[in-house]
Amino acid sequence: MSKRYTVEIHHQEANYVIEVSEDEKILESARRAGVELPLSCEAGVCTTCTAHILEGKVEQGEGMGLSPQLQDEGYALLCVSYPRSNLKLVTEKEEKVYDRQFSPNT
């Protein structure tokens, strides 16, 4: 039996709490729970589903769309992130992450 974690999601001025199995992607669990989060490629190569983790840890080995530095700073691509603890996160960080990775002036 796999572990289950509590994931608290702050999205567009609302808070949602869902349970996510350690072997399930956070975005899939949120969608099944009726929480509509931003998404695009669902393959970990764009930044549409980026969230900032305030508390907890994820495993996102398939997340090629985020630099290791941004991952170390707590950013995660929810489409390829598996919970490894209880989590608190804030969604819609695509623009900030995109600017940090690709803008020469940041």
PDB file of N, CA and C in Angstrom:
ATOM      1  N   MET A   1       0.850  -1.186   0.000  1.00  0.00           N
ATOM      2  CA  MET A   1       0.000   0.000   0.000  1.00  0.00           C
ATOM      3  C   MET A   1       0.886   1.237   0.000  1.00  0.00           C
ATOM      4  N   SER A   2       0.624   2.151  -0.911  1.00  0.00           N
ATOM      5  CA  SER A   2       1.454   3.350  -1.007  1.00  0.00           C
ATOM      6  C   SER A   2       1.022   4.400   0.015  1.00  0.00           C
ATOM      7  N   LYS A   3       1.983   5.241   0.356  1.00  0.00           N
ATOM      8  CA  LYS A   3       1.713   6.334   1.297  1.00  0.00           C
ATOM      9  C   LYS A   3       0.849   7.383   0.621  1.00  0.00           C
ATOM     10  N   ARG A   4       0.065   8.066   1.439  1.00  0.00           N
ATOM     11  CA  ARG A   4      -0.759   9.174   0.960  1.00  0.00           C
ATOM     12  C   ARG A   4      -0.358  10.415   1.728  1.00  0.00           C
ATOM     13  N   TYR A   5      -0.354  11.525   1.013  1.00  0.00           N
ATOM     14  CA  TYR A   5       0.043  12.796   1.608  1.00  0.00           C
ATOM     15  C   TYR A   5      -1.052  13.833   1.412  1.00  0.00           C
ATOM     16  N   THR A   6      -1.108  14.774   2.340  1.00  0.00           N
ATOM     17  CA  THR A   6      -2.023  15.894   2.246  1.00  0.00           C
ATOM     18  C   THR A   6      -1.327  17.011   1.478  1.00  0.00           C
ATOM     19  N   VAL A   7      -1.990  17.491   0.435  1.00  0.00           N
ATOM     20  CA  VAL A   7      -1.446  18.576  -0.369  1.00  0.00           C
ATOM     21  C   VAL A   7      -2.417  19.749  -0.290  1.00  0.00           C
ATOM     22  N   GLU A   8      -1.929  20.850   0.269  1.00  0.00           N
ATOM     23  CA  GLU A   8      -2.713  22.078   0.369  1.00  0.00           C
ATOM     24  C   GLU A   8      -2.307  22.979  -0.790  1.00  0.00           C
ATOM     25  N   ILE A   9      -3.282  23.329  -1.618  1.00  0.00           N
ATOM     26  CA  ILE A   9      -3.031  24.101  -2.831  1.00  0.00           C
ATOM     27  C   ILE A   9      -3.702  25.457  -2.715  1.00  0.00           C
ATOM     28  N   HIS A  10      -2.899  26.512  -2.836  1.00  0.00           N
ATOM     29  CA  HIS A  10      -3.456  27.866  -2.906  1.00  0.00           C
ATOM     30  C   HIS A  10      -3.490  28.243  -4.387  1.00  0.00           C
ATOM     31  N   HIS A  11      -4.706  28.384  -4.913  1.00  0.00           N
ATOM     32  CA  HIS A  11      -4.885  28.659  -6.342  1.00  0.00           C
ATOM     33  C   HIS A  11      -5.951  29.722  -6.531  1.00  0.00           C
ATOM     34  N   GLN A  12      -5.574  30.842  -7.131  1.00  0.00           N
ATOM     35  CA  GLN A  12      -6.512  31.923  -7.449  1.00  0.00           C
ATOM     36  C   GLN A  12      -7.376  32.321  -6.255  1.00  0.00           C
ATOM     37  N   GLU A  13      -6.734  32.681  -5.177  1.00  0.00           N
ATOM     38  CA  GLU A  13      -7.405  33.179  -3.966  1.00  0.00           C
ATOM     39  C   GLU A  13      -8.250  32.127  -3.244  1.00  0.00           C
ATOM     40  N   ALA A  14      -8.135  30.868  -3.631  1.00  0.00           N
ATOM     41  CA  ALA A  14      -8.861  29.792  -2.950  1.00  0.00           C
ATOM     42  C   ALA A  14      -7.854  28.771  -2.446  1.00  0.00           C
ATOM     43  N   ASN A  15      -8.229  28.069  -1.393  1.00  0.00           N
ATOM     44  CA  ASN A  15      -7.398  26.995  -0.850  1.00  0.00           C
ATOM     45  C   ASN A  15      -8.120  25.669  -1.013  1.00  0.00           C
ATOM     46  N   TYR A  16      -7.368  24.685  -1.462  1.00  0.00           N
ATOM     47  CA  TYR A  16      -7.887  23.337  -1.642  1.00  0.00           C
ATOM     48  C   TYR A  16      -6.980  22.382  -0.887  1.00  0.00           C
ATOM     49  N   VAL A  17      -7.560  21.354  -0.319  1.00  0.00           N
ATOM     50  CA  VAL A  17      -6.774  20.311   0.340  1.00  0.00           C
ATOM     51  C   VAL A  17      -7.176  18.985  -0.288  1.00  0.00           C
ATOM     52  N   ILE A  18      -6.170  18.296  -0.827  1.00  0.00           N
ATOM     53  CA  ILE A  18      -6.413  17.004  -1.460  1.00  0.00           C
ATOM     54  C   ILE A  18      -5.458  15.975  -0.879  1.00  0.00           C
ATOM     55  N   GLU A  19      -5.799  14.719  -1.045  1.00  0.00           N
ATOM     56  CA  GLU A  19      -4.926  13.619  -0.667  1.00  0.00           C
ATOM     57  C   GLU A  19      -4.311  13.057  -1.950  1.00  0.00           C
ATOM     58  N   VAL A  20      -2.985  12.861  -1.922  1.00  0.00           N
ATOM     59  CA  VAL A  20      -2.288  12.382  -3.105  1.00  0.00           C
ATOM     60  C   VAL A  20      -1.404  11.204  -2.714  1.00  0.00           C
ATOM     61  N   SER A  21      -1.513  10.129  -3.446  1.00  0.00           N
ATOM     62  CA  SER A  21      -0.670   8.955  -3.231  1.00  0.00           C
ATOM     63  C   SER A  21       0.751   9.255  -3.702  1.00  0.00           C
ATOM     64  N   GLU A  22       1.721   8.626  -3.068  1.00  0.00           N
ATOM     65  CA  GLU A  22       3.124   8.856  -3.424  1.00  0.00           C
ATOM     66  C   GLU A  22       3.452   8.421  -4.848  1.00  0.00           C
ATOM     67  N   ASP A  23       2.608   7.605  -5.447  1.00  0.00           N
ATOM     68  CA  ASP A  23       2.861   7.148  -6.810  1.00  0.00           C
ATOM     69  C   ASP A  23       1.932   7.808  -7.833  1.00  0.00           C
ATOM     70  N   GLU A  24       1.351   8.947  -7.461  1.00  0.00           N
ATOM     71  CA  GLU A  24       0.453   9.674  -8.348  1.00  0.00           C
ATOM     72  C   GLU A  24       0.919  11.119  -8.490  1.00  0.00           C
ATOM     73  N   LYS A  25       0.831  11.627  -9.698  1.00  0.00           N
ATOM     74  CA  LYS A  25       1.211  13.010  -9.955  1.00  0.00           C
ATOM     75  C   LYS A  25       0.202  13.966  -9.323  1.00  0.00           C
ATOM     76  N   ILE A  26       0.717  15.054  -8.780  1.00  0.00           N
ATOM     77  CA  ILE A  26      -0.137  16.015  -8.074  1.00  0.00           C
ATOM     78  C   ILE A  26      -1.201  16.597  -8.997  1.00  0.00           C
ATOM     79  N   LEU A  27      -0.835  16.950 -10.219  1.00  0.00           N
ATOM     80  CA  LEU A  27      -1.798  17.528 -11.152  1.00  0.00           C
ATOM     81  C   LEU A  27      -2.944  16.560 -11.445  1.00  0.00           C
ATOM     82  N   GLU A  28      -2.646  15.277 -11.628  1.00  0.00           N
ATOM     83  CA  GLU A  28      -3.696  14.284 -11.877  1.00  0.00           C
ATOM     84  C   GLU A  28      -4.655  14.181 -10.697  1.00  0.00           C
ATOM     85  N   SER A  29      -4.101  14.163  -9.481  1.00  0.00           N
ATOM     86  CA  SER A  29      -4.946  14.073  -8.289  1.00  0.00           C
ATOM     87  C   SER A  29      -5.826  15.301  -8.142  1.00  0.00           C
ATOM     88  N   ALA A  30      -5.258  16.467  -8.402  1.00  0.00           N
ATOM     89  CA  ALA A  30      -6.030  17.709  -8.291  1.00  0.00           C
ATOM     90  C   ALA A  30      -7.184  17.712  -9.291  1.00  0.00           C
ATOM     91  N   ARG A  31      -6.892  17.328 -10.506  1.00  0.00           N
ATOM     92  CA  ARG A  31      -7.929  17.301 -11.540  1.00  0.00           C
ATOM     93  C   ARG A  31      -9.051  16.343 -11.150  1.00  0.00           C
ATOM     94  N   ARG A  32      -8.691  15.170 -10.638  1.00  0.00           N
ATOM     95  CA  ARG A  32      -9.698  14.187 -10.218  1.00  0.00           C
ATOM     96  C   ARG A  32     -10.541  14.725  -9.059  1.00  0.00           C
ATOM     97  N   ALA A  33      -9.939  15.571  -8.216  1.00  0.00           N
ATOM     98  CA  ALA A  33     -10.664  16.160  -7.081  1.00  0.00           C
ATOM     99  C   ALA A  33     -11.478  17.386  -7.493  1.00  0.00           C
ATOM    100  N   GLY A  34     -11.434  17.743  -8.789  1.00  0.00           N
ATOM    101  CA  GLY A  34     -12.215  18.879  -9.265  1.00  0.00           C
ATOM    102  C   GLY A  34     -11.497  20.213  -9.175  1.00  0.00           C
ATOM    103  N   VAL A  35     -10.204  20.202  -8.906  1.00  0.00           N
ATOM    104  CA  VAL A  35      -9.419  21.434  -8.843  1.00  0.00           C
ATOM    105  C   VAL A  35      -8.792  21.646 -10.216  1.00  0.00           C
ATOM    106  N   GLU A  36      -9.223  22.677 -10.909  1.00  0.00           N
ATOM    107  CA  GLU A  36      -8.735  22.965 -12.258  1.00  0.00           C
ATOM    108  C   GLU A  36      -7.498  23.851 -12.167  1.00  0.00           C
ATOM    109  N   LEU A  37      -6.347  23.254 -12.410  1.00  0.00           N
ATOM    110  CA  LEU A  37      -5.075  23.967 -12.376  1.00  0.00           C
ATOM    111  C   LEU A  37      -4.572  24.194 -13.795  1.00  0.00           C
ATOM    112  N   PRO A  38      -3.725  25.209 -13.994  1.00  0.00           N
ATOM    113  CA  PRO A  38      -3.173  25.453 -15.331  1.00  0.00           C
ATOM    114  C   PRO A  38      -2.343  24.271 -15.807  1.00  0.00           C
ATOM    115  N   LEU A  39      -2.469  23.946 -17.094  1.00  0.00           N
ATOM    116  CA  LEU A  39      -1.675  22.866 -17.666  1.00  0.00           C
ATOM    117  C   LEU A  39      -1.535  23.079 -19.152  1.00  0.00           C
ATOM    118  N   SER A  40      -0.540  22.449 -19.717  1.00  0.00           N
ATOM    119  CA  SER A  40      -0.340  22.511 -21.156  1.00  0.00           C
ATOM    120  C   SER A  40       0.204  21.184 -21.646  1.00  0.00           C
ATOM    121  N   CYS A  41       1.505  21.002 -21.594  1.00  0.00           N
ATOM    122  CA  CYS A  41       2.110  19.820 -22.204  1.00  0.00           C
ATOM    123  C   CYS A  41       1.935  18.541 -21.388  1.00  0.00           C
ATOM    124  N   GLU A  42       1.836  18.647 -20.092  1.00  0.00           N
ATOM    125  CA  GLU A  42       1.756  17.518 -19.165  1.00  0.00           C
ATOM    126  C   GLU A  42       2.925  16.546 -19.303  1.00  0.00           C
ATOM    127  N   ALA A  43       4.064  17.055 -19.779  1.00  0.00           N
ATOM    128  CA  ALA A  43       5.246  16.216 -19.963  1.00  0.00           C
ATOM    129  C   ALA A  43       6.475  16.758 -19.241  1.00  0.00           C
ATOM    130  N   GLY A  44       6.307  17.848 -18.491  1.00  0.00           N
ATOM    131  CA  GLY A  44       7.423  18.400 -17.734  1.00  0.00           C
ATOM    132  C   GLY A  44       8.401  19.225 -18.535  1.00  0.00           C
ATOM    133  N   VAL A  45       7.981  19.702 -19.709  1.00  0.00           N
ATOM    134  CA  VAL A  45       8.900  20.489 -20.524  1.00  0.00           C
ATOM    135  C   VAL A  45       8.504  21.961 -20.659  1.00  0.00           C
ATOM    136  N   CYS A  46       7.292  22.314 -20.340  1.00  0.00           N
ATOM    137  CA  CYS A  46       6.909  23.727 -20.344  1.00  0.00           C
ATOM    138  C   CYS A  46       6.819  24.181 -18.881  1.00  0.00           C
ATOM    139  N   THR A  47       6.375  25.391 -18.650  1.00  0.00           N
ATOM    140  CA  THR A  47       6.293  25.889 -17.270  1.00  0.00           C
ATOM    141  C   THR A  47       4.864  26.258 -16.867  1.00  0.00           C
ATOM    142  N   THR A  48       3.886  25.829 -17.630  1.00  0.00           N
ATOM    143  CA  THR A  48       2.494  26.224 -17.375  1.00  0.00           C
ATOM    144  C   THR A  48       1.994  25.811 -15.993  1.00  0.00           C
ATOM    145  N   CYS A  49       2.361  24.634 -15.530  1.00  0.00           N
ATOM    146  CA  CYS A  49       1.829  24.114 -14.266  1.00  0.00           C
ATOM    147  C   CYS A  49       2.763  24.363 -13.074  1.00  0.00           C
ATOM    148  N   THR A  50       3.667  25.325 -13.214  1.00  0.00           N
ATOM    149  CA  THR A  50       4.631  25.580 -12.142  1.00  0.00           C
ATOM    150  C   THR A  50       3.955  26.072 -10.872  1.00  0.00           C
ATOM    151  N   ALA A  51       4.404  25.532  -9.755  1.00  0.00           N
ATOM    152  CA  ALA A  51       3.960  25.967  -8.436  1.00  0.00           C
ATOM    153  C   ALA A  51       5.195  26.208  -7.573  1.00  0.00           C
ATOM    154  N   HIS A  52       5.016  27.008  -6.537  1.00  0.00           N
ATOM    155  CA  HIS A  52       6.088  27.224  -5.566  1.00  0.00           C
ATOM    156  C   HIS A  52       5.721  26.461  -4.302  1.00  0.00           C
ATOM    157  N   ILE A  53       6.616  25.593  -3.880  1.00  0.00           N
ATOM    158  CA  ILE A  53       6.378  24.783  -2.686  1.00  0.00           C
ATOM    159  C   ILE A  53       6.783  25.586  -1.457  1.00  0.00           C
ATOM    160  N   LEU A  54       5.813  25.832  -0.592  1.00  0.00           N
ATOM    161  CA  LEU A  54       6.070  26.567   0.645  1.00  0.00           C
ATOM    162  C   LEU A  54       6.541  25.634   1.752  1.00  0.00           C
ATOM    163  N   GLU A  55       6.013  24.417   1.752  1.00  0.00           N
ATOM    164  CA  GLU A  55       6.393  23.398   2.741  1.00  0.00           C
ATOM    165  C   GLU A  55       6.328  22.038   2.075  1.00  0.00           C
ATOM    166  N   GLY A  56       7.303  21.190   2.377  1.00  0.00           N
ATOM    167  CA  GLY A  56       7.294  19.821   1.895  1.00  0.00           C
ATOM    168  C   GLY A  56       8.246  19.579   0.744  1.00  0.00           C
ATOM    169  N   LYS A  57       8.185  18.333   0.224  1.00  0.00           N
ATOM    170  CA  LYS A  57       9.090  17.904  -0.835  1.00  0.00           C
ATOM    171  C   LYS A  57       8.350  17.107  -1.889  1.00  0.00           C
ATOM    172  N   VAL A  58       8.856  17.219  -3.119  1.00  0.00           N
ATOM    173  CA  VAL A  58       8.339  16.421  -4.226  1.00  0.00           C
ATOM    174  C   VAL A  58       9.498  15.742  -4.932  1.00  0.00           C
ATOM    175  N   GLU A  59       9.160  14.740  -5.729  1.00  0.00           N
ATOM    176  CA  GLU A  59      10.115  14.117  -6.641  1.00  0.00           C
ATOM    177  C   GLU A  59       9.622  14.477  -8.030  1.00  0.00           C
ATOM    178  N   GLN A  60      10.482  15.137  -8.809  1.00  0.00           N
ATOM    179  CA  GLN A  60      10.093  15.558 -10.155  1.00  0.00           C
ATOM    180  C   GLN A  60      11.211  15.277 -11.151  1.00  0.00           C
ATOM    181  N   GLY A  61      11.691  14.053 -11.131  1.00  0.00           N
ATOM    182  CA  GLY A  61      12.789  13.658 -11.990  1.00  0.00           C
ATOM    183  C   GLY A  61      12.535  13.843 -13.472  1.00  0.00           C
ATOM    184  N   GLU A  62      11.282  13.852 -13.879  1.00  0.00           N
ATOM    185  CA  GLU A  62      10.943  14.027 -15.292  1.00  0.00           C
ATOM    186  C   GLU A  62      10.794  15.492 -15.674  1.00  0.00           C
ATOM    187  N   GLY A  63      11.005  16.394 -14.732  1.00  0.00           N
ATOM    188  CA  GLY A  63      10.778  17.827 -14.957  1.00  0.00           C
ATOM    189  C   GLY A  63      11.919  18.527 -15.652  1.00  0.00           C
ATOM    190  N   MET A  64      11.968  18.437 -16.960  1.00  0.00           N
ATOM    191  CA  MET A  64      13.028  19.080 -17.731  1.00  0.00           C
ATOM    192  C   MET A  64      12.783  20.572 -17.919  1.00  0.00           C
ATOM    193  N   GLY A  65      11.579  21.051 -17.660  1.00  0.00           N
ATOM    194  CA  GLY A  65      11.232  22.448 -17.891  1.00  0.00           C
ATOM    195  C   GLY A  65      11.712  23.405 -16.824  1.00  0.00           C
ATOM    196  N   LEU A  66      12.290  22.896 -15.743  1.00  0.00           N
ATOM    197  CA  LEU A  66      12.804  23.748 -14.662  1.00  0.00           C
ATOM    198  C   LEU A  66      14.280  23.489 -14.451  1.00  0.00           C
ATOM    199  N   SER A  67      15.034  24.551 -14.310  1.00  0.00           N
ATOM    200  CA  SER A  67      16.457  24.404 -14.034  1.00  0.00           C
ATOM    201  C   SER A  67      16.653  23.803 -12.647  1.00  0.00           C
ATOM    202  N   PRO A  68      17.762  23.132 -12.419  1.00  0.00           N
ATOM    203  CA  PRO A  68      18.053  22.606 -11.078  1.00  0.00           C
ATOM    204  C   PRO A  68      18.047  23.702 -10.009  1.00  0.00           C
ATOM    205  N   GLN A  69      18.496  24.889 -10.362  1.00  0.00           N
ATOM    206  CA  GLN A  69      18.501  26.000  -9.401  1.00  0.00           C
ATOM    207  C   GLN A  69      17.082  26.334  -8.954  1.00  0.00           C
ATOM    208  N   LEU A  70      16.148  26.443  -9.901  1.00  0.00           N
ATOM    209  CA  LEU A  70      14.764  26.756  -9.547  1.00  0.00           C
ATOM    210  C   LEU A  70      14.122  25.615  -8.766  1.00  0.00           C
ATOM    211  N   GLN A  71      14.450  24.390  -9.097  1.00  0.00           N
ATOM    212  CA  GLN A  71      13.948  23.268  -8.310  1.00  0.00           C
ATOM    213  C   GLN A  71      14.466  23.353  -6.881  1.00  0.00           C
ATOM    214  N   ASP A  72      15.736  23.703  -6.724  1.00  0.00           N
ATOM    215  CA  ASP A  72      16.313  23.855  -5.382  1.00  0.00           C
ATOM    216  C   ASP A  72      15.653  24.984  -4.598  1.00  0.00           C
ATOM    217  N   GLU A  73      15.122  25.981  -5.313  1.00  0.00           N
ATOM    218  CA  GLU A  73      14.435  27.107  -4.673  1.00  0.00           C
ATOM    219  C   GLU A  73      12.981  26.782  -4.342  1.00  0.00           C
ATOM    220  N   GLY A  74      12.532  25.572  -4.668  1.00  0.00           N
ATOM    221  CA  GLY A  74      11.190  25.147  -4.289  1.00  0.00           C
ATOM    222  C   GLY A  74      10.141  25.215  -5.370  1.00  0.00           C
ATOM    223  N   TYR A  75      10.548  25.395  -6.609  1.00  0.00           N
ATOM    224  CA  TYR A  75       9.576  25.390  -7.702  1.00  0.00           C
ATOM    225  C   TYR A  75       9.398  23.973  -8.226  1.00  0.00           C
ATOM    226  N   ALA A  76       8.174  23.665  -8.655  1.00  0.00           N
ATOM    227  CA  ALA A  76       7.867  22.319  -9.127  1.00  0.00           C
ATOM    228  C   ALA A  76       6.886  22.375 -10.289  1.00  0.00           C
ATOM    229  N   LEU A  77       7.044  21.432 -11.190  1.00  0.00           N
ATOM    230  CA  LEU A  77       6.093  21.238 -12.274  1.00  0.00           C
ATOM    231  C   LEU A  77       5.102  20.177 -11.806  1.00  0.00           C
ATOM    232  N   LEU A  78       3.881  20.585 -11.532  1.00  0.00           N
ATOM    233  CA  LEU A  78       2.909  19.683 -10.918  1.00  0.00           C
ATOM    234  C   LEU A  78       2.530  18.507 -11.805  1.00  0.00           C
ATOM    235  N   CYS A  79       2.718  18.636 -13.116  1.00  0.00           N
ATOM    236  CA  CYS A  79       2.352  17.540 -14.019  1.00  0.00           C
ATOM    237  C   CYS A  79       3.291  16.344 -13.895  1.00  0.00           C
ATOM    238  N   VAL A  80       4.484  16.551 -13.343  1.00  0.00           N
ATOM    239  CA  VAL A  80       5.443  15.451 -13.181  1.00  0.00           C
ATOM    240  C   VAL A  80       5.926  15.317 -11.737  1.00  0.00           C
ATOM    241  N   SER A  81       5.238  15.958 -10.802  1.00  0.00           N
ATOM    242  CA  SER A  81       5.656  15.940  -9.402  1.00  0.00           C
ATOM    243  C   SER A  81       4.858  14.933  -8.588  1.00  0.00           C
ATOM    244  N   TYR A  82       5.602  14.128  -7.842  1.00  0.00           N
ATOM    245  CA  TYR A  82       5.031  13.159  -6.913  1.00  0.00           C
ATOM    246  C   TYR A  82       5.327  13.638  -5.499  1.00  0.00           C
ATOM    247  N   PRO A  83       4.340  13.602  -4.601  1.00  0.00           N
ATOM    248  CA  PRO A  83       4.598  14.068  -3.236  1.00  0.00           C
ATOM    249  C   PRO A  83       5.526  13.109  -2.488  1.00  0.00           C
ATOM    250  N   ARG A  84       6.390  13.682  -1.675  1.00  0.00           N
ATOM    251  CA  ARG A  84       7.263  12.893  -0.811  1.00  0.00           C
ATOM    252  C   ARG A  84       7.108  13.295   0.648  1.00  0.00           C
ATOM    253  N   SER A  85       6.112  14.170   0.889  1.00  0.00           N
ATOM    254  CA  SER A  85       5.724  14.595   2.233  1.00  0.00           C
ATOM    255  C   SER A  85       4.412  15.353   2.088  1.00  0.00           C
ATOM    256  N   ASN A  86       3.829  15.778   3.202  1.00  0.00           N
ATOM    257  CA  ASN A  86       2.702  16.693   3.110  1.00  0.00           C
ATOM    258  C   ASN A  86       3.227  17.989   2.496  1.00  0.00           C
ATOM    259  N   LEU A  87       2.365  18.671   1.750  1.00  0.00           N
ATOM    260  CA  LEU A  87       2.799  19.850   1.000  1.00  0.00           C
ATOM    261  C   LEU A  87       1.867  21.033   1.174  1.00  0.00           C
ATOM    262  N   LYS A  88       2.458  22.211   1.075  1.00  0.00           N
ATOM    263  CA  LYS A  88       1.716  23.456   0.896  1.00  0.00           C
ATOM    264  C   LYS A  88       2.340  24.129  -0.306  1.00  0.00           C
ATOM    265  N   LEU A  89       1.497  24.516  -1.272  1.00  0.00           N
ATOM    266  CA  LEU A  89       2.037  25.131  -2.478  1.00  0.00           C
ATOM    267  C   LEU A  89       1.124  26.211  -3.034  1.00  0.00           C
ATOM    268  N   VAL A  90       1.736  27.077  -3.841  1.00  0.00           N
ATOM    269  CA  VAL A  90       1.037  28.173  -4.503  1.00  0.00           C
ATOM    270  C   VAL A  90       1.205  27.980  -6.000  1.00  0.00           C
ATOM    271  N   THR A  91       0.106  28.031  -6.730  1.00  0.00           N
ATOM    272  CA  THR A  91       0.138  27.799  -8.177  1.00  0.00           C
ATOM    273  C   THR A  91       0.394  29.089  -8.954  1.00  0.00           C
ATOM    274  N   GLU A  92       0.378  28.945 -10.278  1.00  0.00           N
ATOM    275  CA  GLU A  92       0.492  30.039 -11.241  1.00  0.00           C
ATOM    276  C   GLU A  92       1.794  30.823 -11.102  1.00  0.00           C
ATOM    277  N   LYS A  93       2.894  30.095 -11.089  1.00  0.00           N
ATOM    278  CA  LYS A  93       4.224  30.718 -11.033  1.00  0.00           C
ATOM    279  C   LYS A  93       4.932  30.639 -12.385  1.00  0.00           C
ATOM    280  N   GLU A  94       4.179  30.358 -13.442  1.00  0.00           N
ATOM    281  CA  GLU A  94       4.767  30.189 -14.775  1.00  0.00           C
ATOM    282  C   GLU A  94       5.555  31.422 -15.217  1.00  0.00           C
ATOM    283  N   GLU A  95       4.958  32.596 -15.129  1.00  0.00           N
ATOM    284  CA  GLU A  95       5.613  33.804 -15.637  1.00  0.00           C
ATOM    285  C   GLU A  95       6.917  34.098 -14.893  1.00  0.00           C
ATOM    286  N   LYS A  96       6.881  33.974 -13.585  1.00  0.00           N
ATOM    287  CA  LYS A  96       8.083  34.230 -12.791  1.00  0.00           C
ATOM    288  C   LYS A  96       9.209  33.261 -13.158  1.00  0.00           C
ATOM    289  N   VAL A  97       8.888  31.990 -13.240  1.00  0.00           N
ATOM    290  CA  VAL A  97       9.888  30.974 -13.569  1.00  0.00           C
ATOM    291  C   VAL A  97      10.389  31.156 -14.997  1.00  0.00           C
ATOM    292  N   TYR A  98       9.493  31.409 -15.923  1.00  0.00           N
ATOM    293  CA  TYR A  98       9.891  31.598 -17.314  1.00  0.00           C
ATOM    294  C   TYR A  98      10.864  32.774 -17.427  1.00  0.00           C
ATOM    295  N   ASP A  99      10.511  33.891 -16.798  1.00  0.00           N
ATOM    296  CA  ASP A  99      11.386  35.068 -16.830  1.00  0.00           C
ATOM    297  C   ASP A  99      12.755  34.763 -16.232  1.00  0.00           C
ATOM    298  N   ARG A 100      12.771  34.064 -15.134  1.00  0.00           N
ATOM    299  CA  ARG A 100      14.059  33.744 -14.472  1.00  0.00           C
ATOM    300  C   ARG A 100      14.929  32.830 -15.329  1.00  0.00           C
ATOM    301  N   GLN A 101      14.317  31.925 -16.045  1.00  0.00           N
ATOM    302  CA  GLN A 101      15.094  30.982 -16.846  1.00  0.00           C
ATOM    303  C   GLN A 101      15.535  31.532 -18.193  1.00  0.00           C
ATOM    304  N   PHE A 102      14.694  32.371 -18.809  1.00  0.00           N
ATOM    305  CA  PHE A 102      14.941  32.725 -20.191  1.00  0.00           C
ATOM    306  C   PHE A 102      15.188  34.196 -20.470  1.00  0.00           C
ATOM    307  N   SER A 103      14.970  35.053 -19.496  1.00  0.00           N
ATOM    308  CA  SER A 103      15.212  36.470 -19.708  1.00  0.00           C
ATOM    309  C   SER A 103      16.667  36.797 -19.363  1.00  0.00           C
ATOM    310  N   PRO A 104      17.408  37.435 -20.269  1.00  0.00           N
ATOM    311  CA  PRO A 104      18.811  37.732 -19.993  1.00  0.00           C
ATOM    312  C   PRO A 104      19.006  38.819 -18.935  1.00  0.00           C
ATOM    313  N   ASN A 105      17.954  39.519 -18.567  1.00  0.00           N
ATOM    314  CA  ASN A 105      18.084  40.622 -17.613  1.00  0.00           C
ATOM    315  C   ASN A 105      17.716  40.251 -16.188  1.00  0.00           C
ATOM    316  N   THR A 106      17.506  38.968 -15.902  1.00  0.00           N
ATOM    317  CA  THR A 106      17.121  38.581 -14.547  1.00  0.00           C
ATOM    318  C   THR A 106      18.229  37.843 -13.857  1.00  0.00           C
TER     319      THR A 106
END
